[in-house]
Amino acid sequence: MFAFAEPRPRRRPSLTPMIDVVFLLLVFFMLASRFGHETALPLTAGGAGDVSWEGPPRLITVLPDIVTLNGGPAEIDTLAERLAPLMPEPDAPVLVRAGNGTRLARLIAVIDALRAAGLTRLVIVE
């Protein structure tokens, strides 16, 4: 007659591959996440109708190698001093434009220097 073999004990599934996958996901998300504080550039949203213009032009163009004020070269440190005679009032708007190839970090450095000098109404134009 036929005899059945003794049943083998059930084999438990190995948890090692699942633990490996969990650790790989953990490492992936740790590397993909951003640590540190986000920096924000405070800008006021508004259209062209929100800005009333008075006085002479005040256009700062930020290029990769130089900064110009109304077409003439200027240093970042002296922009506020050179803008003072052009401002009919202390909170008059100043146009800031980035030239072709200008890095965002350079534009932000100029904006930060202008804000540190007390200019609050900066209008970024394209």
PDB file of N, CA and C in Angstrom:
ATOM      1  N   MET A   1       0.799  -1.170   0.000  1.00  0.00           N
ATOM      2  CA  MET A   1       0.000   0.000   0.000  1.00  0.00           C
ATOM      3  C   MET A   1       0.858   1.256   0.000  1.00  0.00           C
ATOM      4  N   PHE A   2       0.102   2.281  -0.155  1.00  0.00           N
ATOM      5  CA  PHE A   2       0.805   3.562  -0.199  1.00  0.00           C
ATOM      6  C   PHE A   2       0.933   4.111   1.198  1.00  0.00           C
ATOM      7  N   ALA A   3       2.068   4.613   1.452  1.00  0.00           N
ATOM      8  CA  ALA A   3       2.276   5.244   2.752  1.00  0.00           C
ATOM      9  C   ALA A   3       2.659   6.705   2.509  1.00  0.00           C
ATOM     10  N   PHE A   4       2.037   7.515   3.233  1.00  0.00           N
ATOM     11  CA  PHE A   4       2.353   8.946   3.109  1.00  0.00           C
ATOM     12  C   PHE A   4       3.560   9.266   3.968  1.00  0.00           C
ATOM     13  N   ALA A   5       4.424  10.089   3.401  1.00  0.00           N
ATOM     14  CA  ALA A   5       5.592  10.511   4.163  1.00  0.00           C
ATOM     15  C   ALA A   5       5.142  11.495   5.234  1.00  0.00           C
ATOM     16  N   GLU A   6       5.947  11.574   6.210  1.00  0.00           N
ATOM     17  CA  GLU A   6       5.591  12.503   7.287  1.00  0.00           C
ATOM     18  C   GLU A   6       5.612  13.925   6.734  1.00  0.00           C
ATOM     19  N   PRO A   7       4.623  14.722   7.107  1.00  0.00           N
ATOM     20  CA  PRO A   7       4.606  16.099   6.596  1.00  0.00           C
ATOM     21  C   PRO A   7       5.822  16.876   7.094  1.00  0.00           C
ATOM     22  N   ARG A   8       6.387  17.620   6.149  1.00  0.00           N
ATOM     23  CA  ARG A   8       7.532  18.432   6.531  1.00  0.00           C
ATOM     24  C   ARG A   8       7.024  19.640   7.316  1.00  0.00           C
ATOM     25  N   PRO A   9       7.838  20.111   8.232  1.00  0.00           N
ATOM     26  CA  PRO A   9       7.402  21.309   8.947  1.00  0.00           C
ATOM     27  C   PRO A   9       7.350  22.490   7.971  1.00  0.00           C
ATOM     28  N   ARG A  10       6.369  23.337   8.176  1.00  0.00           N
ATOM     29  CA  ARG A  10       6.197  24.493   7.299  1.00  0.00           C
ATOM     30  C   ARG A  10       7.391  25.411   7.434  1.00  0.00           C
ATOM     31  N   ARG A  11       7.852  25.859   6.302  1.00  0.00           N
ATOM     32  CA  ARG A  11       8.993  26.764   6.307  1.00  0.00           C
ATOM     33  C   ARG A  11       8.498  28.195   6.416  1.00  0.00           C
ATOM     34  N   ARG A  12       9.056  28.942   7.318  1.00  0.00           N
ATOM     35  CA  ARG A  12       8.645  30.338   7.501  1.00  0.00           C
ATOM     36  C   ARG A  12       9.358  31.190   6.463  1.00  0.00           C
ATOM     37  N   PRO A  13       8.644  32.142   5.881  1.00  0.00           N
ATOM     38  CA  PRO A  13       9.307  32.997   4.878  1.00  0.00           C
ATOM     39  C   PRO A  13      10.390  33.850   5.540  1.00  0.00           C
ATOM     40  N   SER A  14      11.442  34.089   4.796  1.00  0.00           N
ATOM     41  CA  SER A  14      12.555  34.874   5.315  1.00  0.00           C
ATOM     42  C   SER A  14      12.196  36.356   5.259  1.00  0.00           C
ATOM     43  N   LEU A  15      12.485  37.060   6.329  1.00  0.00           N
ATOM     44  CA  LEU A  15      12.211  38.491   6.385  1.00  0.00           C
ATOM     45  C   LEU A  15      13.393  39.330   5.907  1.00  0.00           C
ATOM     46  N   THR A  16      14.501  38.698   5.621  1.00  0.00           N
ATOM     47  CA  THR A  16      15.699  39.441   5.230  1.00  0.00           C
ATOM     48  C   THR A  16      15.481  40.286   3.965  1.00  0.00           C
ATOM     49  N   PRO A  17      14.899  39.772   2.883  1.00  0.00           N
ATOM     50  CA  PRO A  17      14.701  40.635   1.701  1.00  0.00           C
ATOM     51  C   PRO A  17      13.799  41.830   1.992  1.00  0.00           C
ATOM     52  N   MET A  18      12.768  41.640   2.807  1.00  0.00           N
ATOM     53  CA  MET A  18      11.878  42.751   3.121  1.00  0.00           C
ATOM     54  C   MET A  18      12.623  43.819   3.946  1.00  0.00           C
ATOM     55  N   ILE A  19      13.453  43.399   4.872  1.00  0.00           N
ATOM     56  CA  ILE A  19      14.214  44.352   5.674  1.00  0.00           C
ATOM     57  C   ILE A  19      15.203  45.104   4.782  1.00  0.00           C
ATOM     58  N   ASP A  20      15.811  44.396   3.821  1.00  0.00           N
ATOM     59  CA  ASP A  20      16.721  45.062   2.883  1.00  0.00           C
ATOM     60  C   ASP A  20      15.991  46.137   2.089  1.00  0.00           C
ATOM     61  N   VAL A  21      14.802  45.836   1.623  1.00  0.00           N
ATOM     62  CA  VAL A  21      14.029  46.809   0.843  1.00  0.00           C
ATOM     63  C   VAL A  21      13.659  48.012   1.709  1.00  0.00           C
ATOM     64  N   VAL A  22      13.269  47.786   2.931  1.00  0.00           N
ATOM     65  CA  VAL A  22      12.906  48.884   3.828  1.00  0.00           C
ATOM     66  C   VAL A  22      14.117  49.785   4.070  1.00  0.00           C
ATOM     67  N   PHE A  23      15.286  49.203   4.302  1.00  0.00           N
ATOM     68  CA  PHE A  23      16.477  50.021   4.510  1.00  0.00           C
ATOM     69  C   PHE A  23      16.871  50.785   3.252  1.00  0.00           C
ATOM     70  N   LEU A  24      16.738  50.162   2.089  1.00  0.00           N
ATOM     71  CA  LEU A  24      17.030  50.870   0.840  1.00  0.00           C
ATOM     72  C   LEU A  24      16.089  52.059   0.656  1.00  0.00           C
ATOM     73  N   LEU A  25      14.807  51.863   0.956  1.00  0.00           N
ATOM     74  CA  LEU A  25      13.862  52.976   0.859  1.00  0.00           C
ATOM     75  C   LEU A  25      14.198  54.074   1.857  1.00  0.00           C
ATOM     76  N   LEU A  26      14.576  53.692   3.045  1.00  0.00           N
ATOM     77  CA  LEU A  26      14.965  54.674   4.058  1.00  0.00           C
ATOM     78  C   LEU A  26      16.163  55.505   3.583  1.00  0.00           C
ATOM     79  N   VAL A  27      17.176  54.833   3.053  1.00  0.00           N
ATOM     80  CA  VAL A  27      18.355  55.546   2.556  1.00  0.00           C
ATOM     81  C   VAL A  27      17.975  56.441   1.387  1.00  0.00           C
ATOM     82  N   PHE A  28      17.134  55.956   0.481  1.00  0.00           N
ATOM     83  CA  PHE A  28      16.713  56.771  -0.662  1.00  0.00           C
ATOM     84  C   PHE A  28      16.022  58.048  -0.207  1.00  0.00           C
ATOM     85  N   PHE A  29      15.069  57.944   0.702  1.00  0.00           N
ATOM     86  CA  PHE A  29      14.341  59.128   1.138  1.00  0.00           C
ATOM     87  C   PHE A  29      15.206  60.063   1.980  1.00  0.00           C
ATOM     88  N   MET A  30      16.170  59.514   2.696  1.00  0.00           N
ATOM     89  CA  MET A  30      17.078  60.384   3.435  1.00  0.00           C
ATOM     90  C   MET A  30      17.949  61.198   2.483  1.00  0.00           C
ATOM     91  N   LEU A  31      18.395  60.580   1.408  1.00  0.00           N
ATOM     92  CA  LEU A  31      19.232  61.296   0.445  1.00  0.00           C
ATOM     93  C   LEU A  31      18.418  62.240  -0.427  1.00  0.00           C
ATOM     94  N   ALA A  32      17.174  61.883  -0.691  1.00  0.00           N
ATOM     95  CA  ALA A  32      16.346  62.709  -1.573  1.00  0.00           C
ATOM     96  C   ALA A  32      15.721  63.891  -0.845  1.00  0.00           C
ATOM     97  N   SER A  33      15.622  63.826   0.460  1.00  0.00           N
ATOM     98  CA  SER A  33      14.990  64.932   1.188  1.00  0.00           C
ATOM     99  C   SER A  33      15.977  66.077   1.340  1.00  0.00           C
ATOM    100  N   ARG A  34      15.440  67.247   1.566  1.00  0.00           N
ATOM    101  CA  ARG A  34      16.271  68.443   1.722  1.00  0.00           C
ATOM    102  C   ARG A  34      16.349  68.790   3.191  1.00  0.00           C
ATOM    103  N   PHE A  35      17.553  68.978   3.651  1.00  0.00           N
ATOM    104  CA  PHE A  35      17.752  69.339   5.033  1.00  0.00           C
ATOM    105  C   PHE A  35      18.095  70.820   5.120  1.00  0.00           C
ATOM    106  N   GLY A  36      17.806  71.409   6.234  1.00  0.00           N
ATOM    107  CA  GLY A  36      18.140  72.817   6.426  1.00  0.00           C
ATOM    108  C   GLY A  36      16.937  73.698   6.199  1.00  0.00           C
ATOM    109  N   HIS A  37      17.168  74.972   6.348  1.00  0.00           N
ATOM    110  CA  HIS A  37      16.096  75.946   6.220  1.00  0.00           C
ATOM    111  C   HIS A  37      15.977  76.413   4.780  1.00  0.00           C
ATOM    112  N   GLU A  38      14.767  76.573   4.372  1.00  0.00           N
ATOM    113  CA  GLU A  38      14.523  77.143   3.062  1.00  0.00           C
ATOM    114  C   GLU A  38      14.713  78.649   3.153  1.00  0.00           C
ATOM    115  N   THR A  39      15.305  79.224   2.141  1.00  0.00           N
ATOM    116  CA  THR A  39      15.449  80.671   2.124  1.00  0.00           C
ATOM    117  C   THR A  39      14.357  81.239   1.238  1.00  0.00           C
ATOM    118  N   ALA A  40      13.774  82.294   1.687  1.00  0.00           N
ATOM    119  CA  ALA A  40      12.696  82.926   0.934  1.00  0.00           C
ATOM    120  C   ALA A  40      13.081  84.350   0.597  1.00  0.00           C
ATOM    121  N   LEU A  41      12.721  84.748  -0.577  1.00  0.00           N
ATOM    122  CA  LEU A  41      12.974  86.105  -1.020  1.00  0.00           C
ATOM    123  C   LEU A  41      11.653  86.852  -0.956  1.00  0.00           C
ATOM    124  N   PRO A  42      11.524  87.819  -0.047  1.00  0.00           N
ATOM    125  CA  PRO A  42      10.239  88.511   0.080  1.00  0.00           C
ATOM    126  C   PRO A  42       9.999  89.439  -1.104  1.00  0.00           C
ATOM    127  N   LEU A  43       8.997  89.115  -1.887  1.00  0.00           N
ATOM    128  CA  LEU A  43       8.610  89.935  -3.024  1.00  0.00           C
ATOM    129  C   LEU A  43       7.136  90.262  -2.912  1.00  0.00           C
ATOM    130  N   THR A  44       6.775  91.408  -3.402  1.00  0.00           N
ATOM    131  CA  THR A  44       5.382  91.807  -3.401  1.00  0.00           C
ATOM    132  C   THR A  44       4.808  91.543  -4.778  1.00  0.00           C
ATOM    133  N   ALA A  45       3.744  90.785  -4.819  1.00  0.00           N
ATOM    134  CA  ALA A  45       3.117  90.488  -6.099  1.00  0.00           C
ATOM    135  C   ALA A  45       2.224  91.653  -6.506  1.00  0.00           C
ATOM    136  N   GLY A  46       2.275  91.971  -7.746  1.00  0.00           N
ATOM    137  CA  GLY A  46       1.435  93.056  -8.244  1.00  0.00           C
ATOM    138  C   GLY A  46       1.707  93.298  -9.700  1.00  0.00           C
ATOM    139  N   GLY A  47       0.726  93.809 -10.399  1.00  0.00           N
ATOM    140  CA  GLY A  47       0.887  94.083 -11.820  1.00  0.00           C
ATOM    141  C   GLY A  47       1.449  95.460 -12.048  1.00  0.00           C
ATOM    142  N   ALA A  48       1.553  95.822 -13.317  1.00  0.00           N
ATOM    143  CA  ALA A  48       2.122  97.118 -13.675  1.00  0.00           C
ATOM    144  C   ALA A  48       1.226  98.262 -13.207  1.00  0.00           C
ATOM    145  N   GLY A  49      -0.054  98.011 -13.015  1.00  0.00           N
ATOM    146  CA  GLY A  49      -0.957  99.060 -12.570  1.00  0.00           C
ATOM    147  C   GLY A  49      -0.762  99.449 -11.117  1.00  0.00           C
ATOM    148  N   ASP A  50      -0.065  98.614 -10.343  1.00  0.00           N
ATOM    149  CA  ASP A  50       0.147  98.901  -8.924  1.00  0.00           C
ATOM    150  C   ASP A  50       1.295  99.868  -8.684  1.00  0.00           C
ATOM    151  N   VAL A  51       2.141 100.091  -9.679  1.00  0.00           N
ATOM    152  CA  VAL A  51       3.328 100.917  -9.499  1.00  0.00           C
ATOM    153  C   VAL A  51       3.097 102.263 -10.166  1.00  0.00           C
ATOM    154  N   SER A  52       3.169 103.331  -9.369  1.00  0.00           N
ATOM    155  CA  SER A  52       3.084 104.670  -9.943  1.00  0.00           C
ATOM    156  C   SER A  52       4.509 105.193 -10.078  1.00  0.00           C
ATOM    157  N   TRP A  53       4.813 105.715 -11.259  1.00  0.00           N
ATOM    158  CA  TRP A  53       6.180 106.131 -11.534  1.00  0.00           C
ATOM    159  C   TRP A  53       6.303 107.642 -11.499  1.00  0.00           C
ATOM    160  N   GLU A  54       7.296 108.108 -10.779  1.00  0.00           N
ATOM    161  CA  GLU A  54       7.600 109.536 -10.720  1.00  0.00           C
ATOM    162  C   GLU A  54       9.107 109.694 -10.778  1.00  0.00           C
ATOM    163  N   GLY A  55       9.555 110.764 -11.402  1.00  0.00           N
ATOM    164  CA  GLY A  55      10.981 111.058 -11.419  1.00  0.00           C
ATOM    165  C   GLY A  55      11.715 110.370 -12.553  1.00  0.00           C
ATOM    166  N   PRO A  56      13.032 110.458 -12.520  1.00  0.00           N
ATOM    167  CA  PRO A  56      13.858 109.888 -13.584  1.00  0.00           C
ATOM    168  C   PRO A  56      13.850 108.359 -13.541  1.00  0.00           C
ATOM    169  N   PRO A  57      14.323 107.729 -14.614  1.00  0.00           N
ATOM    170  CA  PRO A  57      14.342 106.257 -14.626  1.00  0.00           C
ATOM    171  C   PRO A  57      15.319 105.708 -13.593  1.00  0.00           C
ATOM    172  N   ARG A  58      14.951 104.568 -13.060  1.00  0.00           N
ATOM    173  CA  ARG A  58      15.791 103.872 -12.087  1.00  0.00           C
ATOM    174  C   ARG A  58      15.779 102.394 -12.462  1.00  0.00           C
ATOM    175  N   LEU A  59      16.598 102.026 -13.438  1.00  0.00           N
ATOM    176  CA  LEU A  59      16.653 100.656 -13.935  1.00  0.00           C
ATOM    177  C   LEU A  59      18.021 100.069 -13.634  1.00  0.00           C
ATOM    178  N   ILE A  60      18.010  99.013 -12.835  1.00  0.00           N
ATOM    179  CA  ILE A  60      19.241  98.294 -12.513  1.00  0.00           C
ATOM    180  C   ILE A  60      19.221  97.000 -13.320  1.00  0.00           C
ATOM    181  N   THR A  61      20.255  96.808 -14.128  1.00  0.00           N
ATOM    182  CA  THR A  61      20.388  95.591 -14.923  1.00  0.00           C
ATOM    183  C   THR A  61      21.528  94.771 -14.342  1.00  0.00           C
ATOM    184  N   VAL A  62      21.215  93.540 -13.986  1.00  0.00           N
ATOM    185  CA  VAL A  62      22.214  92.641 -13.403  1.00  0.00           C
ATOM    186  C   VAL A  62      22.670  91.695 -14.505  1.00  0.00           C
ATOM    187  N   LEU A  63      23.924  91.825 -14.889  1.00  0.00           N
ATOM    188  CA  LEU A  63      24.517  90.967 -15.910  1.00  0.00           C
ATOM    189  C   LEU A  63      25.491  90.009 -15.244  1.00  0.00           C
ATOM    190  N   PRO A  64      25.920  88.959 -15.951  1.00  0.00           N
ATOM    191  CA  PRO A  64      26.826  87.994 -15.314  1.00  0.00           C
ATOM    192  C   PRO A  64      28.117  88.600 -14.781  1.00  0.00           C
ATOM    193  N   ASP A  65      28.632  89.643 -15.434  1.00  0.00           N
ATOM    194  CA  ASP A  65      29.920  90.181 -14.991  1.00  0.00           C
ATOM    195  C   ASP A  65      29.847  91.596 -14.427  1.00  0.00           C
ATOM    196  N   ILE A  66      28.799  92.361 -14.742  1.00  0.00           N
ATOM    197  CA  ILE A  66      28.681  93.725 -14.216  1.00  0.00           C
ATOM    198  C   ILE A  66      27.236  94.019 -13.833  1.00  0.00           C
ATOM    199  N   VAL A  67      27.074  95.118 -13.115  1.00  0.00           N
ATOM    200  CA  VAL A  67      25.751  95.653 -12.774  1.00  0.00           C
ATOM    201  C   VAL A  67      25.697  97.053 -13.352  1.00  0.00           C
ATOM    202  N   THR A  68      24.568  97.374 -14.000  1.00  0.00           N
ATOM    203  CA  THR A  68      24.442  98.711 -14.578  1.00  0.00           C
ATOM    204  C   THR A  68      23.255  99.436 -13.957  1.00  0.00           C
ATOM    205  N   LEU A  69      23.388 100.745 -13.857  1.00  0.00           N
ATOM    206  CA  LEU A  69      22.306 101.616 -13.411  1.00  0.00           C
ATOM    207  C   LEU A  69      21.998 102.560 -14.559  1.00  0.00           C
ATOM    208  N   ASN A  70      20.810 102.431 -15.124  1.00  0.00           N
ATOM    209  CA  ASN A  70      20.380 103.221 -16.281  1.00  0.00           C
ATOM    210  C   ASN A  70      21.389 103.133 -17.423  1.00  0.00           C
ATOM    211  N   GLY A  71      21.979 101.975 -17.617  1.00  0.00           N
ATOM    212  CA  GLY A  71      22.889 101.748 -18.728  1.00  0.00           C
ATOM    213  C   GLY A  71      24.348 101.977 -18.429  1.00  0.00           C
ATOM    214  N   GLY A  72      24.661 102.645 -17.332  1.00  0.00           N
ATOM    215  CA  GLY A  72      26.051 102.889 -16.971  1.00  0.00           C
ATOM    216  C   GLY A  72      26.529 101.898 -15.926  1.00  0.00           C
ATOM    217  N   PRO A  73      27.796 101.501 -15.969  1.00  0.00           N
ATOM    218  CA  PRO A  73      28.283 100.527 -14.991  1.00  0.00           C
ATOM    219  C   PRO A  73      28.226 101.072 -13.568  1.00  0.00           C
ATOM    220  N   ALA A  74      27.956 100.175 -12.644  1.00  0.00           N
ATOM    221  CA  ALA A  74      27.866 100.553 -11.226  1.00  0.00           C
ATOM    222  C   ALA A  74      28.339  99.389 -10.369  1.00  0.00           C
ATOM    223  N   GLU A  75      28.815  99.708  -9.198  1.00  0.00           N
ATOM    224  CA  GLU A  75      29.207  98.695  -8.224  1.00  0.00           C
ATOM    225  C   GLU A  75      28.015  98.397  -7.317  1.00  0.00           C
ATOM    226  N   ILE A  76      27.916  97.180  -6.861  1.00  0.00           N
ATOM    227  CA  ILE A  76      26.803  96.788  -5.987  1.00  0.00           C
ATOM    228  C   ILE A  76      26.816  97.617  -4.703  1.00  0.00           C
ATOM    229  N   ASP A  77      28.007  97.889  -4.177  1.00  0.00           N
ATOM    230  CA  ASP A  77      28.127  98.621  -2.912  1.00  0.00           C
ATOM    231  C   ASP A  77      27.663 100.073  -3.031  1.00  0.00           C
ATOM    232  N   THR A  78      27.765 100.658  -4.213  1.00  0.00           N
ATOM    233  CA  THR A  78      27.442 102.076  -4.364  1.00  0.00           C
ATOM    234  C   THR A  78      26.099 102.313  -5.048  1.00  0.00           C
ATOM    235  N   LEU A  79      25.326 101.247  -5.299  1.00  0.00           N
ATOM    236  CA  LEU A  79      24.036 101.416  -5.982  1.00  0.00           C
ATOM    237  C   LEU A  79      23.101 102.328  -5.207  1.00  0.00           C
ATOM    238  N   ALA A  80      22.992 102.130  -3.918  1.00  0.00           N
ATOM    239  CA  ALA A  80      22.071 102.940  -3.120  1.00  0.00           C
ATOM    240  C   ALA A  80      22.462 104.410  -3.137  1.00  0.00           C
ATOM    241  N   GLU A  81      23.747 104.700  -3.059  1.00  0.00           N
ATOM    242  CA  GLU A  81      24.206 106.092  -3.096  1.00  0.00           C
ATOM    243  C   GLU A  81      23.923 106.732  -4.450  1.00  0.00           C
ATOM    244  N   ARG A  82      24.110 105.960  -5.518  1.00  0.00           N
ATOM    245  CA  ARG A  82      23.857 106.501  -6.853  1.00  0.00           C
ATOM    246  C   ARG A  82      22.370 106.625  -7.145  1.00  0.00           C
ATOM    247  N   LEU A  83      21.546 105.820  -6.472  1.00  0.00           N
ATOM    248  CA  LEU A  83      20.097 105.909  -6.660  1.00  0.00           C
ATOM    249  C   LEU A  83      19.486 107.075  -5.888  1.00  0.00           C
ATOM    250  N   ALA A  84      20.116 107.510  -4.814  1.00  0.00           N
ATOM    251  CA  ALA A  84      19.538 108.539  -3.937  1.00  0.00           C
ATOM    252  C   ALA A  84      19.131 109.811  -4.687  1.00  0.00           C
ATOM    253  N   PRO A  85      19.954 110.367  -5.571  1.00  0.00           N
ATOM    254  CA  PRO A  85      19.502 111.582  -6.270  1.00  0.00           C
ATOM    255  C   PRO A  85      18.390 111.334  -7.286  1.00  0.00           C
ATOM    256  N   LEU A  86      18.194 110.095  -7.669  1.00  0.00           N
ATOM    257  CA  LEU A  86      17.159 109.763  -8.650  1.00  0.00           C
ATOM    258  C   LEU A  86      15.805 109.479  -8.006  1.00  0.00           C
ATOM    259  N   MET A  87      15.764 109.405  -6.685  1.00  0.00           N
ATOM    260  CA  MET A  87      14.551 109.018  -5.979  1.00  0.00           C
ATOM    261  C   MET A  87      13.779 110.261  -5.533  1.00  0.00           C
ATOM    262  N   PRO A  88      12.543 110.450  -6.032  1.00  0.00           N
ATOM    263  CA  PRO A  88      11.751 111.592  -5.576  1.00  0.00           C
ATOM    264  C   PRO A  88      11.263 111.415  -4.135  1.00  0.00           C
ATOM    265  N   GLU A  89      11.108 110.180  -3.701  1.00  0.00           N
ATOM    266  CA  GLU A  89      10.714 109.872  -2.327  1.00  0.00           C
ATOM    267  C   GLU A  89      11.426 108.589  -1.913  1.00  0.00           C
ATOM    268  N   PRO A  90      11.602 108.341  -0.626  1.00  0.00           N
ATOM    269  CA  PRO A  90      12.391 107.186  -0.187  1.00  0.00           C
ATOM    270  C   PRO A  90      11.830 105.834  -0.610  1.00  0.00           C
ATOM    271  N   ASP A  91      10.502 105.743  -0.769  1.00  0.00           N
ATOM    272  CA  ASP A  91       9.928 104.443  -1.136  1.00  0.00           C
ATOM    273  C   ASP A  91       9.510 104.389  -2.612  1.00  0.00           C
ATOM    274  N   ALA A  92      10.195 105.141  -3.455  1.00  0.00           N
ATOM    275  CA  ALA A  92       9.915 105.121  -4.892  1.00  0.00           C
ATOM    276  C   ALA A  92      10.350 103.766  -5.467  1.00  0.00           C
ATOM    277  N   PRO A  93       9.645 103.274  -6.475  1.00  0.00           N
ATOM    278  CA  PRO A  93      10.003 101.964  -7.039  1.00  0.00           C
ATOM    279  C   PRO A  93      11.304 102.010  -7.825  1.00  0.00           C
ATOM    280  N   VAL A  94      12.005 100.896  -7.788  1.00  0.00           N
ATOM    281  CA  VAL A  94      13.245 100.715  -8.536  1.00  0.00           C
ATOM    282  C   VAL A  94      13.085  99.448  -9.356  1.00  0.00           C
ATOM    283  N   LEU A  95      13.361  99.533 -10.652  1.00  0.00           N
ATOM    284  CA  LEU A  95      13.249  98.376 -11.533  1.00  0.00           C
ATOM    285  C   LEU A  95      14.553  97.594 -11.504  1.00  0.00           C
ATOM    286  N   VAL A  96      14.435  96.275 -11.378  1.00  0.00           N
ATOM    287  CA  VAL A  96      15.594  95.391 -11.383  1.00  0.00           C
ATOM    288  C   VAL A  96      15.370  94.368 -12.483  1.00  0.00           C
ATOM    289  N   ARG A  97      16.355  94.247 -13.362  1.00  0.00           N
ATOM    290  CA  ARG A  97      16.227  93.318 -14.490  1.00  0.00           C
ATOM    291  C   ARG A  97      17.468  92.441 -14.548  1.00  0.00           C
ATOM    292  N   ALA A  98      17.263  91.154 -14.798  1.00  0.00           N
ATOM    293  CA  ALA A  98      18.379  90.220 -14.960  1.00  0.00           C
ATOM    294  C   ALA A  98      18.654  90.063 -16.447  1.00  0.00           C
ATOM    295  N   GLY A  99      19.919  90.204 -16.828  1.00  0.00           N
ATOM    296  CA  GLY A  99      20.312  90.032 -18.217  1.00  0.00           C
ATOM    297  C   GLY A  99      20.453  88.557 -18.559  1.00  0.00           C
ATOM    298  N   ASN A 100      20.697  88.294 -19.831  1.00  0.00           N
ATOM    299  CA  ASN A 100      20.879  86.908 -20.285  1.00  0.00           C
ATOM    300  C   ASN A 100      22.096  86.284 -19.623  1.00  0.00           C
ATOM    301  N   GLY A 101      21.922  85.081 -19.130  1.00  0.00           N
ATOM    302  CA  GLY A 101      23.027  84.345 -18.517  1.00  0.00           C
ATOM    303  C   GLY A 101      23.303  84.697 -17.073  1.00  0.00           C
ATOM    304  N   THR A 102      22.491  85.561 -16.479  1.00  0.00           N
ATOM    305  CA  THR A 102      22.705  85.948 -15.083  1.00  0.00           C
ATOM    306  C   THR A 102      22.191  84.851 -14.166  1.00  0.00           C
ATOM    307  N   ARG A 103      23.008  84.488 -13.212  1.00  0.00           N
ATOM    308  CA  ARG A 103      22.600  83.467 -12.241  1.00  0.00           C
ATOM    309  C   ARG A 103      21.653  84.081 -11.208  1.00  0.00           C
ATOM    310  N   LEU A 104      20.752  83.263 -10.723  1.00  0.00           N
ATOM    311  CA  LEU A 104      19.777  83.722  -9.736  1.00  0.00           C
ATOM    312  C   LEU A 104      20.471  84.199  -8.463  1.00  0.00           C
ATOM    313  N   ALA A 105      21.547  83.539  -8.068  1.00  0.00           N
ATOM    314  CA  ALA A 105      22.262  83.931  -6.850  1.00  0.00           C
ATOM    315  C   ALA A 105      22.803  85.358  -6.973  1.00  0.00           C
ATOM    316  N   ARG A 106      23.263  85.730  -8.151  1.00  0.00           N
ATOM    317  CA  ARG A 106      23.779  87.098  -8.353  1.00  0.00           C
ATOM    318  C   ARG A 106      22.646  88.109  -8.273  1.00  0.00           C
ATOM    319  N   LEU A 107      21.504  87.793  -8.863  1.00  0.00           N
ATOM    320  CA  LEU A 107      20.345  88.685  -8.801  1.00  0.00           C
ATOM    321  C   LEU A 107      19.894  88.866  -7.351  1.00  0.00           C
ATOM    322  N   ILE A 108      19.852  87.794  -6.609  1.00  0.00           N
ATOM    323  CA  ILE A 108      19.432  87.865  -5.204  1.00  0.00           C
ATOM    324  C   ILE A 108      20.443  88.663  -4.385  1.00  0.00           C
ATOM    325  N   ALA A 109      21.727  88.548  -4.694  1.00  0.00           N
ATOM    326  CA  ALA A 109      22.743  89.328  -3.972  1.00  0.00           C
ATOM    327  C   ALA A 109      22.522  90.822  -4.190  1.00  0.00           C
ATOM    328  N   VAL A 110      22.187  91.214  -5.414  1.00  0.00           N
ATOM    329  CA  VAL A 110      21.921  92.633  -5.693  1.00  0.00           C
ATOM    330  C   VAL A 110      20.660  93.083  -4.964  1.00  0.00           C
ATOM    331  N   ILE A 111      19.616  92.258  -4.997  1.00  0.00           N
ATOM    332  CA  ILE A 111      18.361  92.614  -4.313  1.00  0.00           C
ATOM    333  C   ILE A 111      18.592  92.724  -2.812  1.00  0.00           C
ATOM    334  N   ASP A 112      19.356  91.805  -2.245  1.00  0.00           N
ATOM    335  CA  ASP A 112      19.660  91.875  -0.806  1.00  0.00           C
ATOM    336  C   ASP A 112      20.437  93.144  -0.462  1.00  0.00           C
ATOM    337  N   ALA A 113      21.380  93.527  -1.320  1.00  0.00           N
ATOM    338  CA  ALA A 113      22.150  94.753  -1.068  1.00  0.00           C
ATOM    339  C   ALA A 113      21.244  95.981  -1.126  1.00  0.00           C
ATOM    340  N   LEU A 114      20.294  95.993  -2.053  1.00  0.00           N
ATOM    341  CA  LEU A 114      19.368  97.121  -2.151  1.00  0.00           C
ATOM    342  C   LEU A 114      18.431  97.167  -0.945  1.00  0.00           C
ATOM    343  N   ARG A 115      17.958  96.016  -0.513  1.00  0.00           N
ATOM    344  CA  ARG A 115      17.085  95.970   0.675  1.00  0.00           C
ATOM    345  C   ARG A 115      17.844  96.395   1.927  1.00  0.00           C
ATOM    346  N   ALA A 116      19.100  95.988   2.031  1.00  0.00           N
ATOM    347  CA  ALA A 116      19.914  96.380   3.187  1.00  0.00           C
ATOM    348  C   ALA A 116      20.139  97.886   3.203  1.00  0.00           C
ATOM    349  N   ALA A 117      20.115  98.508   2.021  1.00  0.00           N
ATOM    350  CA  ALA A 117      20.292  99.964   1.943  1.00  0.00           C
ATOM    351  C   ALA A 117      18.988 100.711   2.201  1.00  0.00           C
ATOM    352  N   GLY A 118      17.893  99.979   2.416  1.00  0.00           N
ATOM    353  CA  GLY A 118      16.631 100.621   2.758  1.00  0.00           C
ATOM    354  C   GLY A 118      15.644 100.762   1.616  1.00  0.00           C
ATOM    355  N   LEU A 119      15.957 100.228   0.452  1.00  0.00           N
ATOM    356  CA  LEU A 119      15.018 100.289  -0.671  1.00  0.00           C
ATOM    357  C   LEU A 119      14.032  99.131  -0.547  1.00  0.00           C
ATOM    358  N   THR A 120      12.746  99.474  -0.481  1.00  0.00           N
ATOM    359  CA  THR A 120      11.744  98.438  -0.229  1.00  0.00           C
ATOM    360  C   THR A 120      10.870  98.123  -1.432  1.00  0.00           C
ATOM    361  N   ARG A 121      10.749  99.039  -2.355  1.00  0.00           N
ATOM    362  CA  ARG A 121       9.876  98.804  -3.510  1.00  0.00           C
ATOM    363  C   ARG A 121      10.717  98.442  -4.736  1.00  0.00           C
ATOM    364  N   LEU A 122      11.089  97.176  -4.794  1.00  0.00           N
ATOM    365  CA  LEU A 122      11.858  96.672  -5.919  1.00  0.00           C
ATOM    366  C   LEU A 122      10.918  95.921  -6.845  1.00  0.00           C
ATOM    367  N   VAL A 123      10.961  96.272  -8.122  1.00  0.00           N
ATOM    368  CA  VAL A 123      10.094  95.656  -9.113  1.00  0.00           C
ATOM    369  C   VAL A 123      10.991  94.869 -10.058  1.00  0.00           C
ATOM    370  N   ILE A 124      10.801  93.567 -10.106  1.00  0.00           N
ATOM    371  CA  ILE A 124      11.607  92.731 -10.989  1.00  0.00           C
ATOM    372  C   ILE A 124      10.895  92.670 -12.333  1.00  0.00           C
ATOM    373  N   VAL A 125      11.610  93.063 -13.393  1.00  0.00           N
ATOM    374  CA  VAL A 125      11.049  93.046 -14.744  1.00  0.00           C
ATOM    375  C   VAL A 125      11.826  92.064 -15.590  1.00  0.00           C
ATOM    376  N   GLU A 126      11.191  91.652 -16.653  1.00  0.00           N
ATOM    377  CA  GLU A 126      11.804  90.671 -17.529  1.00  0.00           C
ATOM    378  C   GLU A 126      12.515  91.343 -18.666  1.00  0.00           C
TER     379      GLU A 126
END
